[in-house]
Amino acid sequence: MNKVLSSRWTKAILFLLCLTPLLLLGWRGYHNKLGANPIEYITHATGDWTLRFLLITLSVTPFRILLNQPKLARFRRMLGLFAFFYGCLHLTTWVWLDKFFDVQEMWKDVVKRRFITVGMTGFVLMIPLAITSTAGWVRRLGFVHWQRLHRLVYFSALAGVIHYYWLVKSDVRLPLLYAGLLTLLMAYRAWIWTHGKPLQRKAEPPNVPASPRLSP
């Protein structure tokens, strides 16, 4: 297992897998299979994958500890950056295809529609995480300060769940599922904090950062 996780090809395969949702979206668009409202379909698809990648990123540390596979940490940065990537696509779809860069109209939506307000907040919280995702920023900030900063990912994920829940008008099963997963992840992290359980950091190279939030 460790040999597979250490392989450079594993990262390449994971990178392609992370691009798959975008490729499928492009394929559906090319074949006119985006439904009656293509803009809404793209907006929802990119938003869903933003939240999914946030939750997947937050799951890496628990799985690393529970499965005793420290090399899983190699993939957190990539997963976190893909969360930010799909978040950028989600925002771009709204800014470009939905609002046509009308700043005044966008500002009205941010102020008046609470689901947009909280969604925008979640995206803004991801920006410093993506910027400081490199090893250079870990050295500049110091690992302790960098780690505290990257705990913002929990608030970003929480904002994403609330954004999704408030957006959905009837069927809330999926946002509630995401809320349940996030609750489990936060409960696990709270248990570690309160019990002082070691996070096996000795198994991780000190100069390998996580993004957004590689080490919750």
N, C-alpha and C. Protein backbone atom coordinates (compact mmCIF):
# COMPACT_ATOMS: atom_id res chain seq x y z
N MET A 1 0.83 -1.20 0.00
CA MET A 1 0.00 0.00 0.00
C MET A 1 0.87 1.26 0.00
N ASN A 2 1.88 1.29 0.87
CA ASN A 2 2.77 2.45 0.93
C ASN A 2 3.50 2.66 -0.39
N LYS A 3 3.85 1.54 -1.04
CA LYS A 3 4.55 1.65 -2.32
C LYS A 3 3.66 2.31 -3.37
N VAL A 4 2.39 1.94 -3.37
CA VAL A 4 1.44 2.52 -4.32
C VAL A 4 1.26 4.01 -4.04
N LEU A 5 1.11 4.36 -2.76
CA LEU A 5 0.90 5.76 -2.39
C LEU A 5 2.13 6.62 -2.68
N SER A 6 3.31 5.99 -2.68
CA SER A 6 4.55 6.73 -2.92
C SER A 6 4.83 6.93 -4.40
N SER A 7 4.15 6.19 -5.25
CA SER A 7 4.43 6.26 -6.68
C SER A 7 4.03 7.61 -7.26
N ARG A 8 4.88 8.11 -8.15
CA ARG A 8 4.56 9.39 -8.80
C ARG A 8 3.35 9.24 -9.71
N TRP A 9 3.12 8.02 -10.19
CA TRP A 9 1.98 7.78 -11.07
C TRP A 9 0.66 7.88 -10.30
N THR A 10 0.70 7.60 -9.01
CA THR A 10 -0.52 7.71 -8.21
C THR A 10 -1.02 9.14 -8.20
N LYS A 11 -0.12 10.09 -8.05
CA LYS A 11 -0.52 11.50 -8.08
C LYS A 11 -1.06 11.89 -9.45
N ALA A 12 -0.44 11.38 -10.51
CA ALA A 12 -0.90 11.71 -11.86
C ALA A 12 -2.31 11.16 -12.09
N ILE A 13 -2.53 9.94 -11.62
CA ILE A 13 -3.86 9.34 -11.78
C ILE A 13 -4.90 10.11 -10.98
N LEU A 14 -4.53 10.50 -9.75
CA LEU A 14 -5.45 11.27 -8.92
C LEU A 14 -5.77 12.61 -9.58
N PHE A 15 -4.77 13.23 -10.18
CA PHE A 15 -4.98 14.51 -10.86
C PHE A 15 -6.02 14.35 -11.97
N LEU A 16 -5.89 13.29 -12.76
CA LEU A 16 -6.85 13.06 -13.84
C LEU A 16 -8.24 12.76 -13.29
N LEU A 17 -8.30 12.01 -12.20
CA LEU A 17 -9.60 11.72 -11.58
C LEU A 17 -10.27 13.01 -11.09
N CYS A 18 -9.47 13.92 -10.54
CA CYS A 18 -10.01 15.18 -10.06
C CYS A 18 -10.52 16.05 -11.21
N LEU A 19 -9.95 15.88 -12.38
CA LEU A 19 -10.41 16.63 -13.56
C LEU A 19 -11.63 16.01 -14.22
N THR A 20 -11.93 14.77 -13.86
CA THR A 20 -13.03 14.05 -14.51
C THR A 20 -14.36 14.78 -14.46
N PRO A 21 -14.77 15.36 -13.30
CA PRO A 21 -16.04 16.10 -13.29
C PRO A 21 -16.09 17.22 -14.33
N LEU A 22 -14.99 17.93 -14.51
CA LEU A 22 -14.94 19.01 -15.49
C LEU A 22 -15.01 18.45 -16.91
N LEU A 23 -14.30 17.35 -17.15
CA LEU A 23 -14.32 16.74 -18.48
C LEU A 23 -15.72 16.22 -18.82
N LEU A 24 -16.39 15.62 -17.84
CA LEU A 24 -17.76 15.14 -18.07
C LEU A 24 -18.71 16.30 -18.32
N LEU A 25 -18.49 17.40 -17.61
CA LEU A 25 -19.32 18.58 -17.83
C LEU A 25 -19.12 19.12 -19.24
N GLY A 26 -17.87 19.15 -19.69
CA GLY A 26 -17.58 19.59 -21.05
C GLY A 26 -18.19 18.66 -22.08
N TRP A 27 -18.13 17.35 -21.80
CA TRP A 27 -18.72 16.37 -22.72
C TRP A 27 -20.22 16.56 -22.83
N ARG A 28 -20.88 16.77 -21.69
CA ARG A 28 -22.32 16.98 -21.70
C ARG A 28 -22.68 18.27 -22.45
N GLY A 29 -21.86 19.30 -22.26
CA GLY A 29 -22.11 20.54 -22.96
C GLY A 29 -21.95 20.39 -24.46
N TYR A 30 -20.92 19.66 -24.87
CA TYR A 30 -20.67 19.45 -26.29
C TYR A 30 -21.82 18.69 -26.96
N HIS A 31 -22.43 17.77 -26.21
CA HIS A 31 -23.53 16.96 -26.75
C HIS A 31 -24.91 17.50 -26.37
N ASN A 32 -24.94 18.76 -25.89
CA ASN A 32 -26.21 19.41 -25.54
C ASN A 32 -27.02 18.60 -24.53
N LYS A 33 -26.35 18.16 -23.49
CA LYS A 33 -27.02 17.37 -22.46
C LYS A 33 -26.94 18.05 -21.09
N LEU A 34 -27.04 19.37 -21.10
CA LEU A 34 -26.99 20.13 -19.85
C LEU A 34 -28.39 20.49 -19.35
N GLY A 35 -29.42 19.91 -19.94
CA GLY A 35 -30.77 20.14 -19.48
C GLY A 35 -31.38 21.41 -20.06
N ALA A 36 -32.57 21.73 -19.56
CA ALA A 36 -33.30 22.88 -20.07
C ALA A 36 -32.65 24.20 -19.69
N ASN A 37 -31.89 24.20 -18.57
CA ASN A 37 -31.22 25.41 -18.10
C ASN A 37 -29.73 25.11 -17.90
N PRO A 38 -28.93 25.22 -18.97
CA PRO A 38 -27.51 24.86 -18.90
C PRO A 38 -26.73 25.65 -17.84
N ILE A 39 -27.04 26.94 -17.68
CA ILE A 39 -26.31 27.75 -16.71
C ILE A 39 -26.56 27.23 -15.30
N GLU A 40 -27.81 26.91 -15.01
CA GLU A 40 -28.14 26.37 -13.68
C GLU A 40 -27.46 25.02 -13.47
N TYR A 41 -27.42 24.19 -14.51
CA TYR A 41 -26.77 22.88 -14.40
C TYR A 41 -25.28 23.03 -14.09
N ILE A 42 -24.61 23.92 -14.82
CA ILE A 42 -23.18 24.14 -14.60
C ILE A 42 -22.93 24.71 -13.21
N THR A 43 -23.76 25.66 -12.81
CA THR A 43 -23.61 26.27 -11.49
C THR A 43 -23.73 25.23 -10.39
N HIS A 44 -24.74 24.39 -10.47
CA HIS A 44 -24.94 23.37 -9.44
C HIS A 44 -23.83 22.32 -9.46
N ALA A 45 -23.41 21.92 -10.67
CA ALA A 45 -22.37 20.88 -10.77
C ALA A 45 -21.05 21.36 -10.18
N THR A 46 -20.63 22.57 -10.52
CA THR A 46 -19.36 23.08 -9.99
C THR A 46 -19.45 23.35 -8.49
N GLY A 47 -20.62 23.80 -8.03
CA GLY A 47 -20.80 24.01 -6.59
C GLY A 47 -20.74 22.70 -5.82
N ASP A 48 -21.41 21.67 -6.36
CA ASP A 48 -21.38 20.36 -5.71
C ASP A 48 -19.96 19.84 -5.56
N TRP A 49 -19.18 19.96 -6.63
CA TRP A 49 -17.82 19.42 -6.58
C TRP A 49 -16.89 20.25 -5.72
N THR A 50 -17.18 21.54 -5.58
CA THR A 50 -16.41 22.35 -4.64
C THR A 50 -16.58 21.80 -3.23
N LEU A 51 -17.82 21.57 -2.83
CA LEU A 51 -18.10 21.07 -1.49
C LEU A 51 -17.58 19.66 -1.30
N ARG A 52 -17.72 18.83 -2.31
CA ARG A 52 -17.23 17.45 -2.22
C ARG A 52 -15.72 17.41 -2.02
N PHE A 53 -15.00 18.23 -2.77
CA PHE A 53 -13.55 18.24 -2.63
C PHE A 53 -13.12 18.81 -1.28
N LEU A 54 -13.86 19.77 -0.76
CA LEU A 54 -13.56 20.25 0.59
C LEU A 54 -13.69 19.12 1.61
N LEU A 55 -14.78 18.36 1.51
CA LEU A 55 -14.99 17.26 2.45
C LEU A 55 -13.96 16.15 2.26
N ILE A 56 -13.62 15.87 1.02
CA ILE A 56 -12.59 14.85 0.75
C ILE A 56 -11.26 15.28 1.34
N THR A 57 -10.92 16.57 1.16
CA THR A 57 -9.66 17.09 1.70
C THR A 57 -9.63 16.95 3.22
N LEU A 58 -10.73 17.29 3.87
CA LEU A 58 -10.81 17.18 5.32
C LEU A 58 -10.78 15.73 5.80
N SER A 59 -11.12 14.80 4.91
CA SER A 59 -11.14 13.38 5.29
C SER A 59 -9.76 12.74 5.27
N VAL A 60 -8.79 13.40 4.62
CA VAL A 60 -7.48 12.79 4.45
C VAL A 60 -6.81 12.50 5.79
N THR A 61 -6.79 13.49 6.68
CA THR A 61 -6.11 13.29 7.97
C THR A 61 -6.75 12.19 8.80
N PRO A 62 -8.08 12.17 8.97
CA PRO A 62 -8.67 11.05 9.72
C PRO A 62 -8.34 9.69 9.12
N PHE A 63 -8.41 9.57 7.79
CA PHE A 63 -8.09 8.29 7.16
C PHE A 63 -6.61 7.97 7.31
N ARG A 64 -5.77 9.00 7.24
CA ARG A 64 -4.33 8.78 7.41
C ARG A 64 -4.03 8.19 8.78
N ILE A 65 -4.71 8.70 9.80
CA ILE A 65 -4.47 8.24 11.16
C ILE A 65 -5.12 6.88 11.40
N LEU A 66 -6.39 6.74 11.01
CA LEU A 66 -7.12 5.50 11.28
C LEU A 66 -6.55 4.31 10.52
N LEU A 67 -6.08 4.56 9.30
CA LEU A 67 -5.53 3.48 8.48
C LEU A 67 -4.01 3.35 8.63
N ASN A 68 -3.41 4.25 9.42
CA ASN A 68 -1.96 4.26 9.60
C ASN A 68 -1.23 4.32 8.26
N GLN A 69 -1.67 5.26 7.44
CA GLN A 69 -1.08 5.45 6.11
C GLN A 69 -0.63 6.91 5.99
N PRO A 70 0.52 7.25 6.58
CA PRO A 70 0.98 8.65 6.56
C PRO A 70 1.18 9.23 5.17
N LYS A 71 1.43 8.37 4.18
CA LYS A 71 1.68 8.88 2.83
C LYS A 71 0.43 9.43 2.16
N LEU A 72 -0.73 9.22 2.76
CA LEU A 72 -1.94 9.85 2.23
C LEU A 72 -1.84 11.37 2.27
N ALA A 73 -0.99 11.88 3.15
CA ALA A 73 -0.82 13.33 3.28
C ALA A 73 -0.30 13.95 1.98
N ARG A 74 0.33 13.14 1.12
CA ARG A 74 0.86 13.66 -0.14
C ARG A 74 -0.23 14.24 -1.04
N PHE A 75 -1.46 13.81 -0.83
CA PHE A 75 -2.52 14.16 -1.75
C PHE A 75 -3.42 15.30 -1.25
N ARG A 76 -3.20 15.73 -0.01
CA ARG A 76 -4.11 16.74 0.55
C ARG A 76 -4.01 18.08 -0.18
N ARG A 77 -2.81 18.48 -0.49
CA ARG A 77 -2.64 19.78 -1.17
C ARG A 77 -3.36 19.78 -2.51
N MET A 78 -3.18 18.74 -3.30
CA MET A 78 -3.84 18.65 -4.59
C MET A 78 -5.35 18.67 -4.45
N LEU A 79 -5.88 17.90 -3.51
CA LEU A 79 -7.32 17.84 -3.31
C LEU A 79 -7.87 19.20 -2.87
N GLY A 80 -7.13 19.85 -1.97
CA GLY A 80 -7.55 21.16 -1.51
C GLY A 80 -7.56 22.20 -2.62
N LEU A 81 -6.55 22.15 -3.47
CA LEU A 81 -6.49 23.10 -4.57
C LEU A 81 -7.57 22.83 -5.61
N PHE A 82 -7.94 21.58 -5.77
CA PHE A 82 -9.05 21.28 -6.67
C PHE A 82 -10.37 21.79 -6.10
N ALA A 83 -10.51 21.78 -4.77
CA ALA A 83 -11.70 22.40 -4.16
C ALA A 83 -11.76 23.87 -4.53
N PHE A 84 -10.63 24.55 -4.45
CA PHE A 84 -10.58 25.97 -4.81
C PHE A 84 -10.81 26.15 -6.30
N PHE A 85 -10.28 25.27 -7.11
CA PHE A 85 -10.44 25.33 -8.56
C PHE A 85 -11.92 25.25 -8.95
N TYR A 86 -12.63 24.27 -8.39
CA TYR A 86 -14.05 24.15 -8.72
C TYR A 86 -14.85 25.28 -8.10
N GLY A 87 -14.38 25.82 -6.97
CA GLY A 87 -15.01 27.00 -6.40
C GLY A 87 -14.88 28.19 -7.33
N CYS A 88 -13.72 28.34 -7.95
CA CYS A 88 -13.51 29.42 -8.93
C CYS A 88 -14.42 29.24 -10.14
N LEU A 89 -14.58 28.01 -10.60
CA LEU A 89 -15.48 27.75 -11.73
C LEU A 89 -16.92 28.07 -11.35
N HIS A 90 -17.30 27.72 -10.13
CA HIS A 90 -18.64 27.99 -9.63
C HIS A 90 -18.91 29.49 -9.60
N LEU A 91 -17.96 30.24 -9.06
CA LEU A 91 -18.10 31.70 -9.00
C LEU A 91 -18.09 32.32 -10.38
N THR A 92 -17.21 31.84 -11.24
CA THR A 92 -17.11 32.38 -12.60
C THR A 92 -18.40 32.17 -13.38
N THR A 93 -19.02 31.01 -13.20
CA THR A 93 -20.30 30.74 -13.87
C THR A 93 -21.35 31.76 -13.46
N TRP A 94 -21.39 32.06 -12.17
CA TRP A 94 -22.36 33.03 -11.67
C TRP A 94 -22.03 34.44 -12.16
N VAL A 95 -20.76 34.84 -12.08
CA VAL A 95 -20.36 36.19 -12.46
C VAL A 95 -20.50 36.42 -13.96
N TRP A 96 -20.12 35.43 -14.75
CA TRP A 96 -20.06 35.60 -16.21
C TRP A 96 -21.37 35.20 -16.89
N LEU A 97 -21.77 33.94 -16.72
CA LEU A 97 -22.91 33.44 -17.48
C LEU A 97 -24.25 33.87 -16.90
N ASP A 98 -24.30 34.07 -15.58
CA ASP A 98 -25.56 34.42 -14.94
C ASP A 98 -25.75 35.94 -14.84
N LYS A 99 -24.70 36.64 -14.39
CA LYS A 99 -24.83 38.08 -14.15
C LYS A 99 -24.14 38.96 -15.20
N PHE A 100 -23.42 38.35 -16.12
CA PHE A 100 -22.75 39.08 -17.21
C PHE A 100 -21.90 40.25 -16.69
N PHE A 101 -21.20 40.00 -15.60
CA PHE A 101 -20.26 40.96 -15.00
C PHE A 101 -20.93 42.25 -14.53
N ASP A 102 -22.21 42.18 -14.25
CA ASP A 102 -22.94 43.35 -13.75
C ASP A 102 -22.67 43.47 -12.25
N VAL A 103 -21.71 44.31 -11.88
CA VAL A 103 -21.27 44.43 -10.49
C VAL A 103 -22.42 44.87 -9.58
N GLN A 104 -23.21 45.83 -10.04
CA GLN A 104 -24.32 46.33 -9.22
C GLN A 104 -25.33 45.23 -8.94
N GLU A 105 -25.65 44.44 -9.95
CA GLU A 105 -26.61 43.35 -9.78
C GLU A 105 -26.05 42.27 -8.86
N MET A 106 -24.76 41.98 -9.02
CA MET A 106 -24.14 40.97 -8.16
C MET A 106 -24.13 41.42 -6.71
N TRP A 107 -23.83 42.69 -6.48
CA TRP A 107 -23.79 43.21 -5.11
C TRP A 107 -25.17 43.14 -4.47
N LYS A 108 -26.21 43.42 -5.23
CA LYS A 108 -27.58 43.30 -4.71
C LYS A 108 -27.87 41.88 -4.27
N ASP A 109 -27.43 40.92 -5.08
CA ASP A 109 -27.66 39.51 -4.74
C ASP A 109 -26.91 39.12 -3.47
N VAL A 110 -25.67 39.57 -3.37
CA VAL A 110 -24.86 39.23 -2.19
C VAL A 110 -25.49 39.78 -0.92
N VAL A 111 -26.04 40.99 -1.01
CA VAL A 111 -26.63 41.64 0.17
C VAL A 111 -28.00 41.07 0.51
N LYS A 112 -28.82 40.81 -0.51
CA LYS A 112 -30.21 40.45 -0.27
C LYS A 112 -30.45 38.96 -0.13
N ARG A 113 -29.67 38.16 -0.80
CA ARG A 113 -29.90 36.71 -0.78
C ARG A 113 -28.90 36.05 0.16
N ARG A 114 -29.42 35.53 1.25
CA ARG A 114 -28.53 35.01 2.28
C ARG A 114 -27.72 33.81 1.82
N PHE A 115 -28.27 32.99 0.91
CA PHE A 115 -27.50 31.83 0.46
C PHE A 115 -26.30 32.27 -0.38
N ILE A 116 -26.44 33.38 -1.10
CA ILE A 116 -25.30 33.91 -1.86
C ILE A 116 -24.30 34.55 -0.91
N THR A 117 -24.79 35.23 0.10
CA THR A 117 -23.90 35.87 1.09
C THR A 117 -23.00 34.85 1.76
N VAL A 118 -23.60 33.76 2.24
CA VAL A 118 -22.81 32.75 2.94
C VAL A 118 -21.92 31.97 1.97
N GLY A 119 -22.39 31.78 0.74
CA GLY A 119 -21.57 31.10 -0.27
C GLY A 119 -20.35 31.92 -0.63
N MET A 120 -20.55 33.22 -0.78
CA MET A 120 -19.42 34.11 -1.08
C MET A 120 -18.43 34.12 0.08
N THR A 121 -18.95 34.08 1.29
CA THR A 121 -18.07 34.04 2.47
C THR A 121 -17.20 32.79 2.44
N GLY A 122 -17.82 31.65 2.13
CA GLY A 122 -17.06 30.40 2.06
C GLY A 122 -15.97 30.45 1.03
N PHE A 123 -16.25 31.06 -0.13
CA PHE A 123 -15.23 31.16 -1.18
C PHE A 123 -14.09 32.08 -0.75
N VAL A 124 -14.43 33.23 -0.16
CA VAL A 124 -13.41 34.17 0.28
C VAL A 124 -12.47 33.52 1.30
N LEU A 125 -13.02 32.68 2.17
CA LEU A 125 -12.19 31.99 3.16
C LEU A 125 -11.21 31.02 2.51
N MET A 126 -11.53 30.54 1.32
CA MET A 126 -10.64 29.60 0.64
C MET A 126 -9.44 30.30 0.01
N ILE A 127 -9.56 31.59 -0.27
CA ILE A 127 -8.50 32.31 -0.99
C ILE A 127 -7.17 32.29 -0.23
N PRO A 128 -7.13 32.69 1.06
CA PRO A 128 -5.83 32.64 1.75
C PRO A 128 -5.29 31.23 1.90
N LEU A 129 -6.17 30.23 1.92
CA LEU A 129 -5.71 28.84 2.02
C LEU A 129 -4.99 28.42 0.74
N ALA A 130 -5.56 28.81 -0.40
CA ALA A 130 -4.93 28.47 -1.67
C ALA A 130 -3.61 29.23 -1.85
N ILE A 131 -3.60 30.51 -1.46
CA ILE A 131 -2.39 31.33 -1.62
C ILE A 131 -1.25 30.78 -0.78
N THR A 132 -1.54 30.35 0.43
CA THR A 132 -0.50 29.90 1.36
C THR A 132 -0.32 28.39 1.33
N SER A 133 -0.63 27.76 0.21
CA SER A 133 -0.57 26.30 0.15
C SER A 133 0.84 25.76 -0.12
N THR A 134 1.79 26.63 -0.41
CA THR A 134 3.12 26.17 -0.78
C THR A 134 4.03 26.01 0.44
N ALA A 135 5.10 25.26 0.25
CA ALA A 135 6.07 25.05 1.33
C ALA A 135 6.72 26.37 1.74
N GLY A 136 6.87 27.27 0.77
CA GLY A 136 7.46 28.58 1.08
C GLY A 136 6.63 29.35 2.09
N TRP A 137 5.31 29.28 1.95
CA TRP A 137 4.44 29.98 2.90
C TRP A 137 4.46 29.32 4.27
N VAL A 138 4.63 28.01 4.30
CA VAL A 138 4.76 27.34 5.60
C VAL A 138 5.97 27.87 6.34
N ARG A 139 7.08 28.06 5.63
CA ARG A 139 8.30 28.58 6.25
C ARG A 139 8.12 30.04 6.67
N ARG A 140 7.47 30.84 5.83
CA ARG A 140 7.28 32.25 6.16
C ARG A 140 6.40 32.44 7.39
N LEU A 141 5.31 31.70 7.44
CA LEU A 141 4.36 31.86 8.53
C LEU A 141 4.77 31.09 9.78
N GLY A 142 5.57 30.05 9.60
CA GLY A 142 5.84 29.13 10.71
C GLY A 142 4.72 28.11 10.74
N PHE A 143 5.06 26.86 11.02
CA PHE A 143 4.06 25.79 10.89
C PHE A 143 2.86 26.01 11.80
N VAL A 144 3.08 26.47 13.03
CA VAL A 144 1.97 26.64 13.98
C VAL A 144 0.99 27.69 13.47
N HIS A 145 1.51 28.85 13.02
CA HIS A 145 0.63 29.91 12.52
C HIS A 145 -0.05 29.49 11.22
N TRP A 146 0.70 28.80 10.37
CA TRP A 146 0.14 28.31 9.13
C TRP A 146 -0.99 27.32 9.41
N GLN A 147 -0.76 26.45 10.37
CA GLN A 147 -1.78 25.46 10.73
C GLN A 147 -3.05 26.13 11.25
N ARG A 148 -2.89 27.15 12.08
CA ARG A 148 -4.06 27.86 12.59
C ARG A 148 -4.83 28.54 11.47
N LEU A 149 -4.11 29.14 10.53
CA LEU A 149 -4.75 29.77 9.40
C LEU A 149 -5.58 28.77 8.61
N HIS A 150 -5.03 27.59 8.39
CA HIS A 150 -5.69 26.61 7.55
C HIS A 150 -6.86 25.91 8.23
N ARG A 151 -7.09 26.22 9.49
CA ARG A 151 -8.31 25.74 10.13
C ARG A 151 -9.53 26.48 9.61
N LEU A 152 -9.31 27.53 8.85
CA LEU A 152 -10.42 28.22 8.20
C LEU A 152 -11.18 27.31 7.25
N VAL A 153 -10.57 26.22 6.84
CA VAL A 153 -11.23 25.33 5.89
C VAL A 153 -12.51 24.76 6.47
N TYR A 154 -12.55 24.58 7.81
CA TYR A 154 -13.78 24.07 8.44
C TYR A 154 -14.90 25.08 8.28
N PHE A 155 -14.59 26.35 8.44
CA PHE A 155 -15.60 27.40 8.30
C PHE A 155 -16.03 27.53 6.84
N SER A 156 -15.08 27.35 5.92
CA SER A 156 -15.41 27.39 4.51
C SER A 156 -16.35 26.26 4.14
N ALA A 157 -16.05 25.06 4.62
CA ALA A 157 -16.91 23.91 4.35
C ALA A 157 -18.29 24.10 4.98
N LEU A 158 -18.32 24.63 6.21
CA LEU A 158 -19.59 24.88 6.88
C LEU A 158 -20.42 25.90 6.09
N ALA A 159 -19.76 26.96 5.60
CA ALA A 159 -20.46 27.95 4.79
C ALA A 159 -21.00 27.32 3.51
N GLY A 160 -20.23 26.39 2.94
CA GLY A 160 -20.67 25.70 1.73
C GLY A 160 -21.91 24.86 1.98
N VAL A 161 -21.94 24.16 3.11
CA VAL A 161 -23.11 23.34 3.46
C VAL A 161 -24.34 24.22 3.67
N ILE A 162 -24.17 25.31 4.40
CA ILE A 162 -25.30 26.22 4.64
C ILE A 162 -25.78 26.84 3.33
N HIS A 163 -24.84 27.24 2.50
CA HIS A 163 -25.16 27.81 1.18
C HIS A 163 -26.02 26.84 0.38
N TYR A 164 -25.64 25.57 0.38
CA TYR A 164 -26.37 24.55 -0.37
C TYR A 164 -27.76 24.32 0.23
N TYR A 165 -27.81 24.25 1.56
CA TYR A 165 -29.09 23.99 2.24
C TYR A 165 -30.08 25.13 1.98
N TRP A 166 -29.62 26.37 2.08
CA TRP A 166 -30.51 27.51 1.85
C TRP A 166 -30.90 27.65 0.39
N LEU A 167 -30.05 27.17 -0.50
CA LEU A 167 -30.34 27.24 -1.93
C LEU A 167 -31.46 26.27 -2.32
N VAL A 168 -31.41 25.06 -1.74
CA VAL A 168 -32.39 24.03 -2.09
C VAL A 168 -33.74 24.39 -1.46
N LYS A 169 -34.78 24.32 -2.25
CA LYS A 169 -36.09 24.74 -1.75
C LYS A 169 -36.93 23.58 -1.23
N SER A 170 -36.69 22.37 -1.71
CA SER A 170 -37.55 21.25 -1.30
C SER A 170 -36.74 20.04 -0.85
N ASP A 171 -36.02 19.42 -1.79
CA ASP A 171 -35.28 18.20 -1.47
C ASP A 171 -33.93 18.56 -0.83
N VAL A 172 -33.87 18.43 0.49
CA VAL A 172 -32.65 18.83 1.21
C VAL A 172 -31.80 17.62 1.62
N ARG A 173 -32.09 16.46 1.03
CA ARG A 173 -31.37 15.24 1.45
C ARG A 173 -29.87 15.33 1.21
N LEU A 174 -29.47 15.84 0.05
CA LEU A 174 -28.04 15.91 -0.26
C LEU A 174 -27.31 16.91 0.64
N PRO A 175 -27.81 18.15 0.79
CA PRO A 175 -27.12 19.05 1.72
C PRO A 175 -27.08 18.53 3.15
N LEU A 176 -28.11 17.80 3.56
CA LEU A 176 -28.10 17.21 4.91
C LEU A 176 -27.06 16.09 5.00
N LEU A 177 -26.87 15.36 3.91
CA LEU A 177 -25.83 14.33 3.89
C LEU A 177 -24.46 14.97 4.05
N TYR A 178 -24.21 16.04 3.30
CA TYR A 178 -22.94 16.75 3.43
C TYR A 178 -22.77 17.32 4.83
N ALA A 179 -23.86 17.83 5.40
CA ALA A 179 -23.81 18.37 6.76
C ALA A 179 -23.44 17.27 7.75
N GLY A 180 -24.00 16.07 7.55
CA GLY A 180 -23.67 14.95 8.44
C GLY A 180 -22.21 14.55 8.34
N LEU A 181 -21.68 14.51 7.12
CA LEU A 181 -20.27 14.16 6.93
C LEU A 181 -19.36 15.20 7.57
N LEU A 182 -19.71 16.48 7.38
CA LEU A 182 -18.90 17.54 7.98
C LEU A 182 -18.97 17.48 9.50
N THR A 183 -20.12 17.17 10.04
CA THR A 183 -20.26 17.04 11.50
C THR A 183 -19.38 15.93 12.03
N LEU A 184 -19.33 14.80 11.33
CA LEU A 184 -18.48 13.69 11.75
C LEU A 184 -17.01 14.09 11.72
N LEU A 185 -16.60 14.78 10.67
CA LEU A 185 -15.21 15.21 10.55
C LEU A 185 -14.83 16.21 11.64
N MET A 186 -15.73 17.13 11.93
CA MET A 186 -15.46 18.11 12.97
C MET A 186 -15.47 17.47 14.36
N ALA A 187 -16.35 16.48 14.55
CA ALA A 187 -16.40 15.78 15.84
C ALA A 187 -15.12 14.98 16.05
N TYR A 188 -14.63 14.37 14.99
CA TYR A 188 -13.37 13.62 15.09
C TYR A 188 -12.21 14.54 15.45
N ARG A 189 -12.17 15.70 14.77
CA ARG A 189 -11.11 16.66 15.06
C ARG A 189 -11.22 17.19 16.48
N ALA A 190 -12.45 17.46 16.94
CA ALA A 190 -12.66 17.95 18.31
C ALA A 190 -12.21 16.90 19.33
N TRP A 191 -12.45 15.64 19.03
CA TRP A 191 -12.04 14.56 19.94
C TRP A 191 -10.51 14.53 20.05
N ILE A 192 -9.82 14.70 18.93
CA ILE A 192 -8.36 14.72 18.96
C ILE A 192 -7.84 15.91 19.75
N TRP A 193 -8.47 17.07 19.54
CA TRP A 193 -8.03 18.27 20.26
C TRP A 193 -8.23 18.12 21.76
N THR A 194 -9.37 17.58 22.17
CA THR A 194 -9.68 17.49 23.60
C THR A 194 -8.90 16.38 24.29
N HIS A 195 -8.60 15.32 23.55
CA HIS A 195 -7.88 14.19 24.15
C HIS A 195 -6.37 14.26 23.93
N GLY A 196 -5.93 15.20 23.10
CA GLY A 196 -4.50 15.39 22.89
C GLY A 196 -3.84 14.22 22.19
N LYS A 197 -4.59 13.53 21.35
CA LYS A 197 -4.01 12.38 20.65
C LYS A 197 -2.99 12.86 19.63
N PRO A 198 -1.81 12.26 19.57
CA PRO A 198 -0.80 12.67 18.59
C PRO A 198 -1.27 12.43 17.17
N LEU A 199 -0.85 13.31 16.24
CA LEU A 199 -1.29 13.21 14.86
C LEU A 199 -0.26 12.53 13.96
N GLN A 200 0.72 11.86 14.56
CA GLN A 200 1.73 11.11 13.81
C GLN A 200 2.45 12.00 12.81
N ARG A 201 2.78 13.22 13.22
CA ARG A 201 3.42 14.14 12.28
C ARG A 201 4.84 13.71 11.93
N LYS A 202 5.43 12.87 12.77
CA LYS A 202 6.80 12.44 12.47
C LYS A 202 6.87 11.69 11.16
N ALA A 203 5.73 11.13 10.74
CA ALA A 203 5.73 10.38 9.49
C ALA A 203 5.62 11.28 8.28
N GLU A 204 5.41 12.60 8.51
CA GLU A 204 5.22 13.52 7.40
C GLU A 204 6.43 14.44 7.27
N PRO A 205 6.90 14.66 6.04
CA PRO A 205 8.00 15.62 5.84
C PRO A 205 7.56 16.99 6.30
N PRO A 206 8.39 17.71 7.07
CA PRO A 206 8.00 19.00 7.61
C PRO A 206 7.81 20.08 6.57
N ASN A 207 8.35 19.89 5.37
CA ASN A 207 8.25 20.94 4.36
C ASN A 207 7.17 20.67 3.34
N VAL A 208 6.28 19.72 3.61
CA VAL A 208 5.20 19.43 2.67
C VAL A 208 3.93 20.05 3.21
N PRO A 209 3.39 21.09 2.54
CA PRO A 209 2.23 21.77 3.08
C PRO A 209 0.94 21.08 2.69
N ALA A 210 -0.15 21.62 3.17
CA ALA A 210 -1.45 21.11 2.84
C ALA A 210 -2.34 22.23 2.40
N SER A 211 -3.21 21.99 1.44
CA SER A 211 -4.03 23.10 0.98
C SER A 211 -5.31 22.62 0.36
N PRO A 212 -6.40 23.37 0.44
CA PRO A 212 -6.64 24.21 1.56
C PRO A 212 -6.83 23.33 2.79
N ARG A 213 -6.00 23.51 3.70
CA ARG A 213 -5.99 22.81 4.97
C ARG A 213 -5.57 21.37 4.81
N LEU A 214 -4.29 21.15 4.80
CA LEU A 214 -3.80 19.78 4.69
C LEU A 214 -3.82 19.10 6.04
N SER A 215 -3.54 19.80 7.09
CA SER A 215 -3.54 19.19 8.39
C SER A 215 -4.53 19.90 9.28
N PRO A 216 -5.77 19.44 9.32
CA PRO A 216 -6.75 20.15 10.11
C PRO A 216 -6.38 20.20 11.58
